[in-house]
Amino acid sequence: MHSRIDEVVSCMPAMQPKSRDQNLPRPIPSAIPKSFPFPFTPSRPHIPMLPPRSEQLALVREYTQSESLIKHMLAVESAVRAYARKWGEDEDLWGAVGLLHDFDYERWPNPPDHPLQGSRILAERGYPEILIYAIKSHADYLTDCPRLSRLDKTLYACDELCGFLTASALVRPGRLEGLDAKSVKKKLKQLSFAAAVNRDDITRGAADLGVDLDEHINFCIAAMQTIAPELGLLPQTAPPAE
């Protein structure tokens, strides 16, 4: 069991150990950078067109062989998309950000290649700048891409947490069923469990997004439960009695 958890955790870029500097909170920008690639407004009525989700998933599989990493991207997609639905944002755009945020990691695991190589590929294939910027902003070491929009902050808040939720579910016979914030926070305090996870990233992500940590955990669990079969997180069934 622990070997499978280690595999899940090790495949997730956000869970790789960071340098001391990378663990420090980002400074809040005093002004929007001149290089910011799209109008920074609370509401963007002109959402650019996206390739269909089938093409997005094909791109993920083109560059990613690890099923654990693919499932991680699906989990993050489900959580980010659920927040878009809750807040009346564009579900397709937000979902695409979650699905594609780590597609380049397996081929280019070292910073800053991840996510810059993926960003280059996305630009070449016609993905909009708003999506590319959000994906770049989830890398703490890209200091010229601070998290400014709610989309940026949602991706960051869901990324590491969804990985930890997967690890937490894998040690339970019910998997995601019955998992809640109380049990997850208990696991967070157990530093030997999924040790590569930066606990500060999880708490800071929720705080930056402006959501209560317990509510955020339960919200992401509920989102992941909607695709539990795709994540391999359906409850285990007892073998039939002989």
Protein backbone atom coordinates (compact mmCIF):
# COMPACT_ATOMS: atom_id res chain seq x y z
CA MET A 1 0.00 0.00 0.00
CA HIS A 2 2.71 2.44 0.95
CA SER A 3 4.57 1.79 -2.30
CA ARG A 4 1.47 2.82 -4.23
CA ILE A 5 1.09 5.99 -2.17
CA ASP A 6 4.76 6.80 -2.76
CA GLU A 7 4.19 6.37 -6.50
CA VAL A 8 1.18 8.69 -6.45
CA VAL A 9 2.99 11.34 -4.45
CA SER A 10 6.24 11.17 -6.39
CA CYS A 11 4.52 11.71 -9.74
CA MET A 12 2.99 15.03 -8.71
CA PRO A 13 5.16 18.04 -9.50
CA ALA A 14 3.63 20.23 -6.82
CA MET A 15 4.70 17.66 -4.25
CA GLN A 16 8.39 17.68 -5.07
CA PRO A 17 10.60 19.09 -2.31
CA LYS A 18 11.26 22.78 -2.86
CA SER A 19 14.16 24.96 -1.93
CA ARG A 20 13.87 27.11 1.16
CA ASP A 21 13.27 30.19 -0.95
CA GLN A 22 10.52 28.48 -2.91
CA ASN A 23 8.71 27.64 0.32
CA LEU A 24 8.43 31.30 1.28
CA PRO A 25 5.11 33.00 0.53
CA ARG A 26 5.06 35.02 -2.65
CA PRO A 27 5.02 38.77 -2.21
CA ILE A 28 1.73 40.33 -3.22
CA PRO A 29 2.41 42.45 -6.31
CA SER A 30 1.82 46.15 -5.84
CA ALA A 31 0.77 46.48 -9.45
CA ILE A 32 -0.15 44.21 -12.30
CA PRO A 33 2.97 43.41 -14.36
CA LYS A 34 3.20 45.14 -17.72
CA SER A 35 3.72 41.71 -19.25
CA PHE A 36 0.37 40.44 -17.93
CA PRO A 37 -1.09 38.85 -21.06
CA PHE A 38 -4.77 39.71 -20.78
CA PRO A 39 -7.03 42.33 -19.19
CA PHE A 40 -7.06 41.78 -15.44
CA THR A 41 -10.67 42.33 -14.51
CA PRO A 42 -12.93 40.45 -12.07
CA SER A 43 -15.13 39.35 -14.93
CA ARG A 44 -13.92 38.56 -18.45
CA PRO A 45 -16.98 38.24 -20.68
CA HIS A 46 -14.97 37.44 -23.81
CA ILE A 47 -13.71 33.94 -23.09
CA PRO A 48 -11.54 32.59 -25.91
CA MET A 49 -12.38 29.41 -27.75
CA LEU A 50 -10.74 26.19 -26.59
CA PRO A 51 -10.02 22.92 -28.36
CA PRO A 52 -12.55 20.25 -27.35
CA ARG A 53 -11.81 18.32 -24.17
CA SER A 54 -11.10 15.18 -26.21
CA GLU A 55 -8.17 17.00 -27.82
CA GLN A 56 -6.99 18.26 -24.44
CA LEU A 57 -7.00 14.72 -23.05
CA ALA A 58 -5.19 13.47 -26.15
CA LEU A 59 -2.50 16.10 -25.52
CA VAL A 60 -2.16 14.91 -21.93
CA ARG A 61 -1.71 11.32 -23.08
CA GLU A 62 0.68 12.34 -25.84
CA TYR A 63 3.16 13.60 -23.26
CA THR A 64 2.28 11.51 -20.18
CA GLN A 65 2.58 7.76 -19.73
CA SER A 66 2.09 7.60 -15.96
CA GLU A 67 -1.51 6.75 -15.14
CA SER A 68 -1.01 8.14 -11.63
CA LEU A 69 -0.03 11.52 -13.04
CA ILE A 70 -2.93 11.48 -15.49
CA LYS A 71 -5.32 10.71 -12.64
CA HIS A 72 -3.83 13.60 -10.69
CA MET A 73 -4.59 15.97 -13.56
CA LEU A 74 -8.13 14.60 -13.78
CA ALA A 75 -8.59 15.13 -10.03
CA VAL A 76 -7.41 18.73 -10.23
CA GLU A 77 -9.62 19.31 -13.25
CA SER A 78 -12.67 18.10 -11.31
CA ALA A 79 -11.97 20.42 -8.37
CA VAL A 80 -11.16 23.52 -10.44
CA ARG A 81 -14.18 22.92 -12.65
CA ALA A 82 -16.41 22.57 -9.57
CA TYR A 83 -15.20 25.93 -8.28
CA ALA A 84 -15.97 27.49 -11.65
CA ARG A 85 -19.51 26.14 -11.42
CA LYS A 86 -19.88 27.44 -7.87
CA TRP A 87 -18.72 30.93 -8.77
CA GLY A 88 -20.37 31.24 -12.17
CA GLU A 89 -17.10 31.17 -14.10
CA ASP A 90 -16.37 29.45 -17.41
CA GLU A 91 -16.28 25.73 -16.57
CA ASP A 92 -14.59 24.69 -19.80
CA LEU A 93 -11.75 27.19 -19.40
CA TRP A 94 -11.20 26.45 -15.74
CA GLY A 95 -11.43 22.70 -16.33
CA ALA A 96 -8.86 22.89 -19.12
CA VAL A 97 -6.43 24.70 -16.81
CA GLY A 98 -6.77 21.91 -14.25
CA LEU A 99 -6.47 19.14 -16.83
CA LEU A 100 -3.43 20.55 -18.63
CA HIS A 101 -1.44 22.04 -15.75
CA ASP A 102 1.06 19.16 -15.50
CA PHE A 103 0.93 17.58 -18.95
CA ASP A 104 4.59 18.44 -19.66
CA TYR A 105 6.00 17.32 -16.30
CA GLU A 106 6.86 13.73 -17.19
CA ARG A 107 8.98 14.79 -20.16
CA TRP A 108 10.45 17.95 -18.59
CA PRO A 109 10.42 17.47 -14.80
CA ASN A 110 13.02 20.08 -13.93
CA PRO A 111 12.21 23.75 -13.34
CA PRO A 112 11.77 25.96 -15.17
CA ASP A 113 11.22 23.55 -18.09
CA HIS A 114 8.03 22.59 -16.31
CA PRO A 115 5.77 24.42 -17.02
CA LEU A 116 7.56 26.56 -19.63
CA GLN A 117 7.96 23.77 -22.19
CA GLY A 118 4.29 22.95 -21.83
CA SER A 119 3.38 26.62 -22.12
CA ARG A 120 5.27 26.82 -25.41
CA ILE A 121 3.41 23.79 -26.75
CA LEU A 122 0.06 25.18 -25.67
CA ALA A 123 0.81 28.49 -27.39
CA GLU A 124 1.82 26.69 -30.58
CA ARG A 125 -1.46 24.77 -30.53
CA GLY A 126 -3.55 27.88 -30.14
CA TYR A 127 -4.50 27.76 -26.48
CA PRO A 128 -5.41 31.17 -25.05
CA GLU A 129 -3.02 33.26 -22.97
CA ILE A 130 -5.36 33.30 -19.99
CA LEU A 131 -5.02 29.52 -19.73
CA ILE A 132 -1.26 29.53 -20.29
CA TYR A 133 -0.70 32.23 -17.69
CA ALA A 134 -2.75 30.41 -15.06
CA ILE A 135 -0.71 27.25 -15.60
CA LYS A 136 2.59 29.12 -15.37
CA SER A 137 1.46 30.82 -12.19
CA HIS A 138 1.20 27.53 -10.28
CA ALA A 139 5.01 27.26 -10.34
CA ASP A 140 6.40 29.20 -7.40
CA TYR A 141 9.78 29.60 -9.08
CA LEU A 142 8.33 31.63 -11.97
CA THR A 143 8.41 34.89 -10.07
CA ASP A 144 7.33 36.91 -13.12
CA CYS A 145 3.98 35.07 -13.09
CA PRO A 146 2.36 35.92 -9.75
CA ARG A 147 -1.04 34.49 -9.01
CA LEU A 148 -3.43 37.38 -9.62
CA SER A 149 -6.78 36.08 -10.78
CA ARG A 150 -9.19 33.79 -8.97
CA LEU A 151 -8.45 31.16 -11.62
CA ASP A 152 -4.72 31.31 -10.86
CA LYS A 153 -5.35 30.96 -7.14
CA THR A 154 -7.87 28.16 -7.56
CA LEU A 155 -5.44 26.02 -9.53
CA TYR A 156 -2.76 26.48 -6.89
CA ALA A 157 -5.16 25.79 -4.03
CA CYS A 158 -6.47 22.58 -5.61
CA ASP A 159 -3.25 21.15 -7.02
CA GLU A 160 -1.37 20.00 -3.95
CA LEU A 161 -4.51 19.26 -1.98
CA CYS A 162 -5.94 16.91 -4.62
CA GLY A 163 -2.72 14.93 -4.54
CA PHE A 164 -2.89 14.64 -0.78
CA LEU A 165 -6.54 13.61 -0.95
CA THR A 166 -5.64 10.83 -3.36
CA ALA A 167 -2.93 9.57 -1.01
CA SER A 168 -5.34 9.77 1.93
CA ALA A 169 -8.03 7.86 0.03
CA LEU A 170 -5.70 5.05 -0.99
CA VAL A 171 -5.19 3.91 2.62
CA ARG A 172 -8.94 3.65 3.25
CA PRO A 173 -11.14 0.71 2.16
CA GLY A 174 -13.87 3.21 1.31
CA ARG A 175 -11.40 5.37 -0.63
CA LEU A 176 -13.08 8.78 -1.09
CA GLU A 177 -16.35 7.60 0.46
CA GLY A 178 -16.54 8.90 4.01
CA LEU A 179 -13.34 10.91 3.71
CA ASP A 180 -13.73 14.33 5.29
CA ALA A 181 -11.77 17.36 6.42
CA LYS A 182 -11.31 16.05 9.96
CA SER A 183 -9.58 12.86 8.85
CA VAL A 184 -7.54 14.68 6.17
CA LYS A 185 -6.26 17.27 8.65
CA LYS A 186 -5.28 14.45 10.97
CA LYS A 187 -3.19 12.99 8.15
CA LEU A 188 -1.68 16.41 7.45
CA LYS A 189 -0.34 16.48 11.00
CA GLN A 190 1.26 13.07 10.45
CA LEU A 191 4.40 14.32 8.72
CA SER A 192 5.62 10.84 7.84
CA PHE A 193 2.53 10.31 5.67
CA ALA A 194 3.00 11.54 2.08
CA ALA A 195 6.10 13.27 3.45
CA ALA A 196 6.92 15.07 0.19
CA VAL A 197 3.74 17.12 0.42
CA ASN A 198 4.35 20.68 1.50
CA ARG A 199 1.68 21.28 4.13
CA ASP A 200 2.25 25.03 3.98
CA ASP A 201 1.28 25.07 0.29
CA ILE A 202 -2.08 23.53 1.15
CA THR A 203 -2.91 25.96 3.95
CA ARG A 204 -1.53 28.97 2.07
CA GLY A 205 -3.41 28.00 -1.08
CA ALA A 206 -6.75 28.01 0.74
CA ALA A 207 -5.91 31.28 2.51
CA ASP A 208 -4.90 33.02 -0.74
CA LEU A 209 -8.12 31.83 -2.35
CA GLY A 210 -10.08 33.19 0.59
CA VAL A 211 -11.80 29.93 1.53
CA ASP A 212 -11.98 28.11 4.85
CA LEU A 213 -9.57 25.16 4.85
CA ASP A 214 -12.13 22.64 6.12
CA GLU A 215 -14.68 23.76 3.54
CA HIS A 216 -12.03 23.67 0.82
CA ILE A 217 -11.02 20.12 1.69
CA ASN A 218 -14.62 18.88 1.74
CA PHE A 219 -15.39 20.73 -1.50
CA CYS A 220 -12.48 19.10 -3.33
CA ILE A 221 -13.40 15.66 -1.95
CA ALA A 222 -16.94 16.08 -3.25
CA ALA A 223 -15.64 17.13 -6.66
CA MET A 224 -13.31 14.14 -6.89
CA GLN A 225 -16.11 11.79 -5.85
CA THR A 226 -17.97 12.68 -9.04
CA ILE A 227 -15.21 11.02 -11.08
CA ALA A 228 -14.14 8.36 -8.57
CA PRO A 229 -14.19 5.56 -11.19
CA GLU A 230 -11.77 7.46 -13.45
CA LEU A 231 -9.51 8.13 -10.47
CA GLY A 232 -9.52 4.48 -9.37
CA LEU A 233 -10.96 5.58 -6.03
CA LEU A 234 -14.20 3.63 -5.78
CA PRO A 235 -14.72 1.81 -2.47
CA GLN A 236 -13.07 -1.57 -2.27
CA THR A 237 -15.45 -4.49 -2.26
CA ALA A 238 -14.87 -7.42 0.04
CA PRO A 239 -14.07 -10.71 -1.75
CA PRO A 240 -16.99 -13.14 -1.84
CA ALA A 241 -17.11 -15.65 1.00
CA GLU A 242 -16.14 -19.17 -0.01
